[in-house]
Amino acid sequence: MIDDIDFEPGEGSSPSAKYLMAIYETLKVSGDDEKVSFGIVAVQPSTGDIIYDEFEDGRFRSELETRILHLQPSEFLLPPILSKPTEKLISFICERRYDKLFL
């Protein structure tokens, strides 16, 4: 039921525009070069829309950041262990956007 969805007025989007995003990462380190492979799935429960992607990213996680900022998920589903740069990025985005962190 739509009334059961947590929605705070003034966020600039309706409850139906909220995504649940799952993120999975695999580190590939060779010498000084660090590459990370990401797999993401974002689901919009109210419409059933599914967005998925697999991509490589660098040490600054700019590709992951772009996808998170574009989709603006309301919740994340994360593996128990993330690399420190990925953890820092997600924490930073959550703290800026939501003023609280749900991991």
C-alpha atoms as a PDB file:
ATOM      1  CA  MET A   1       0.000   0.000   0.000  1.00  0.00           C
ATOM      2  CA  ILE A   2       1.373   3.418  -0.936  1.00  0.00           C
ATOM      3  CA  ASP A   3       0.586   4.859   2.516  1.00  0.00           C
ATOM      4  CA  ASP A   4       3.067   2.429   4.071  1.00  0.00           C
ATOM      5  CA  ILE A   5       6.032   3.918   2.189  1.00  0.00           C
ATOM      6  CA  ASP A   6       8.193   6.254   4.245  1.00  0.00           C
ATOM      7  CA  PHE A   7       8.058   9.628   2.540  1.00  0.00           C
ATOM      8  CA  GLU A   8       9.026  12.977   3.909  1.00  0.00           C
ATOM      9  CA  PRO A   9       7.315  15.915   2.246  1.00  0.00           C
ATOM     10  CA  GLY A  10       9.616  18.464   0.708  1.00  0.00           C
ATOM     11  CA  GLU A  11      12.163  15.983  -0.625  1.00  0.00           C
ATOM     12  CA  GLY A  12      11.268  17.008  -4.140  1.00  0.00           C
ATOM     13  CA  SER A  13      10.027  13.664  -5.376  1.00  0.00           C
ATOM     14  CA  SER A  14       6.985  11.511  -4.945  1.00  0.00           C
ATOM     15  CA  PRO A  15       7.122   8.173  -3.132  1.00  0.00           C
ATOM     16  CA  SER A  16       6.669   6.385  -6.460  1.00  0.00           C
ATOM     17  CA  ALA A  17       9.997   7.768  -7.724  1.00  0.00           C
ATOM     18  CA  LYS A  18      12.081   5.961  -5.077  1.00  0.00           C
ATOM     19  CA  TYR A  19      14.506   3.216  -6.027  1.00  0.00           C
ATOM     20  CA  LEU A  20      15.980   0.411  -3.980  1.00  0.00           C
ATOM     21  CA  MET A  21      19.571  -0.090  -5.184  1.00  0.00           C
ATOM     22  CA  ALA A  22      21.732  -3.180  -4.709  1.00  0.00           C
ATOM     23  CA  ILE A  23      25.484  -2.797  -5.265  1.00  0.00           C
ATOM     24  CA  TYR A  24      28.136  -5.486  -5.640  1.00  0.00           C
ATOM     25  CA  GLU A  25      31.852  -4.843  -6.164  1.00  0.00           C
ATOM     26  CA  THR A  26      34.889  -6.891  -7.126  1.00  0.00           C
ATOM     27  CA  LEU A  27      38.403  -5.453  -6.721  1.00  0.00           C
ATOM     28  CA  LYS A  28      41.043  -6.021  -9.389  1.00  0.00           C
ATOM     29  CA  VAL A  29      44.470  -4.836  -8.228  1.00  0.00           C
ATOM     30  CA  SER A  30      47.543  -5.102 -10.443  1.00  0.00           C
ATOM     31  CA  GLY A  31      50.593  -3.193  -9.236  1.00  0.00           C
ATOM     32  CA  ASP A  32      49.655   0.436  -8.552  1.00  0.00           C
ATOM     33  CA  ASP A  33      46.571   0.281 -10.758  1.00  0.00           C
ATOM     34  CA  GLU A  34      43.272  -0.393  -9.013  1.00  0.00           C
ATOM     35  CA  LYS A  35      40.221  -1.293 -11.051  1.00  0.00           C
ATOM     36  CA  VAL A  36      36.886  -2.136  -9.543  1.00  0.00           C
ATOM     37  CA  SER A  37      34.029  -3.961 -11.218  1.00  0.00           C
ATOM     38  CA  PHE A  38      30.551  -3.021 -10.076  1.00  0.00           C
ATOM     39  CA  GLY A  39      27.216  -4.624 -10.613  1.00  0.00           C
ATOM     40  CA  ILE A  40      24.132  -2.613  -9.698  1.00  0.00           C
ATOM     41  CA  VAL A  41      20.416  -3.289  -9.783  1.00  0.00           C
ATOM     42  CA  ALA A  42      17.867  -0.595  -8.993  1.00  0.00           C
ATOM     43  CA  VAL A  43      14.203  -1.475  -8.532  1.00  0.00           C
ATOM     44  CA  GLN A  44      11.290   0.915  -8.274  1.00  0.00           C
ATOM     45  CA  PRO A  45       8.746  -1.083  -6.225  1.00  0.00           C
ATOM     46  CA  SER A  46       5.730   1.038  -7.127  1.00  0.00           C
ATOM     47  CA  THR A  47       6.119   0.524 -10.879  1.00  0.00           C
ATOM     48  CA  GLY A  48       8.277  -2.582 -11.149  1.00  0.00           C
ATOM     49  CA  ASP A  49      10.893  -0.754 -13.222  1.00  0.00           C
ATOM     50  CA  ILE A  50      14.309  -2.408 -13.077  1.00  0.00           C
ATOM     51  CA  ILE A  51      17.604  -0.812 -14.045  1.00  0.00           C
ATOM     52  CA  TYR A  52      20.772  -2.870 -14.057  1.00  0.00           C
ATOM     53  CA  ASP A  53      24.349  -2.256 -15.081  1.00  0.00           C
ATOM     54  CA  GLU A  54      27.829  -3.738 -14.858  1.00  0.00           C
ATOM     55  CA  PHE A  55      30.848  -1.483 -15.265  1.00  0.00           C
ATOM     56  CA  GLU A  56      34.474  -0.901 -14.339  1.00  0.00           C
ATOM     57  CA  ASP A  57      35.449   2.069 -12.244  1.00  0.00           C
ATOM     58  CA  GLY A  58      38.646   3.656 -10.987  1.00  0.00           C
ATOM     59  CA  ARG A  59      39.941   4.620  -7.581  1.00  0.00           C
ATOM     60  CA  PHE A  60      37.664   7.665  -7.264  1.00  0.00           C
ATOM     61  CA  ARG A  61      34.449   5.716  -8.038  1.00  0.00           C
ATOM     62  CA  SER A  62      33.198   8.447 -10.387  1.00  0.00           C
ATOM     63  CA  GLU A  63      31.098   6.027 -12.466  1.00  0.00           C
ATOM     64  CA  LEU A  64      29.367   4.684  -9.353  1.00  0.00           C
ATOM     65  CA  GLU A  65      28.800   8.196  -8.041  1.00  0.00           C
ATOM     66  CA  THR A  66      27.186   9.256 -11.329  1.00  0.00           C
ATOM     67  CA  ARG A  67      24.762   6.350 -11.256  1.00  0.00           C
ATOM     68  CA  ILE A  68      23.812   6.895  -7.600  1.00  0.00           C
ATOM     69  CA  LEU A  69      23.256  10.628  -8.083  1.00  0.00           C
ATOM     70  CA  HIS A  70      21.187  10.029 -11.221  1.00  0.00           C
ATOM     71  CA  LEU A  71      18.903   7.382  -9.696  1.00  0.00           C
ATOM     72  CA  GLN A  72      18.782   8.915  -6.185  1.00  0.00           C
ATOM     73  CA  PRO A  73      17.892   5.666  -4.412  1.00  0.00           C
ATOM     74  CA  SER A  74      16.043   5.865  -1.112  1.00  0.00           C
ATOM     75  CA  GLU A  75      17.622   2.618   0.154  1.00  0.00           C
ATOM     76  CA  PHE A  76      20.748   0.581  -0.513  1.00  0.00           C
ATOM     77  CA  LEU A  77      21.281  -3.152  -0.306  1.00  0.00           C
ATOM     78  CA  LEU A  78      25.014  -3.667   0.240  1.00  0.00           C
ATOM     79  CA  PRO A  79      27.305  -6.640   0.766  1.00  0.00           C
ATOM     80  CA  PRO A  80      28.761  -7.037   4.273  1.00  0.00           C
ATOM     81  CA  ILE A  81      32.231  -5.972   3.109  1.00  0.00           C
ATOM     82  CA  LEU A  82      32.935  -3.019   0.828  1.00  0.00           C
ATOM     83  CA  SER A  83      36.231  -1.390  -0.086  1.00  0.00           C
ATOM     84  CA  LYS A  84      37.026   1.755   1.900  1.00  0.00           C
ATOM     85  CA  PRO A  85      36.675   4.137  -1.101  1.00  0.00           C
ATOM     86  CA  THR A  86      33.259   2.709  -1.989  1.00  0.00           C
ATOM     87  CA  GLU A  87      32.124   2.829   1.621  1.00  0.00           C
ATOM     88  CA  LYS A  88      33.268   6.453   1.930  1.00  0.00           C
ATOM     89  CA  LEU A  89      31.466   7.478  -1.267  1.00  0.00           C
ATOM     90  CA  ILE A  90      28.163   5.902  -0.255  1.00  0.00           C
ATOM     91  CA  SER A  91      28.426   7.327   3.275  1.00  0.00           C
ATOM     92  CA  PHE A  92      29.158  10.805   1.896  1.00  0.00           C
ATOM     93  CA  ILE A  93      26.224  10.729  -0.526  1.00  0.00           C
ATOM     94  CA  CYS A  94      23.847   9.419   2.150  1.00  0.00           C
ATOM     95  CA  GLU A  95      24.924  11.969   4.742  1.00  0.00           C
ATOM     96  CA  ARG A  96      24.568  14.845   2.284  1.00  0.00           C
ATOM     97  CA  ARG A  97      21.243  13.744   0.889  1.00  0.00           C
ATOM     98  CA  TYR A  98      19.447  12.103   3.769  1.00  0.00           C
ATOM     99  CA  ASP A  99      21.204  13.454   6.896  1.00  0.00           C
ATOM    100  CA  LYS A 100      21.325   9.867   8.133  1.00  0.00           C
ATOM    101  CA  LEU A 101      22.904   6.644   6.950  1.00  0.00           C
ATOM    102  CA  PHE A 102      21.035   3.413   6.379  1.00  0.00           C
ATOM    103  CA  LEU A 103      23.530   0.636   5.634  1.00  0.00           C
END
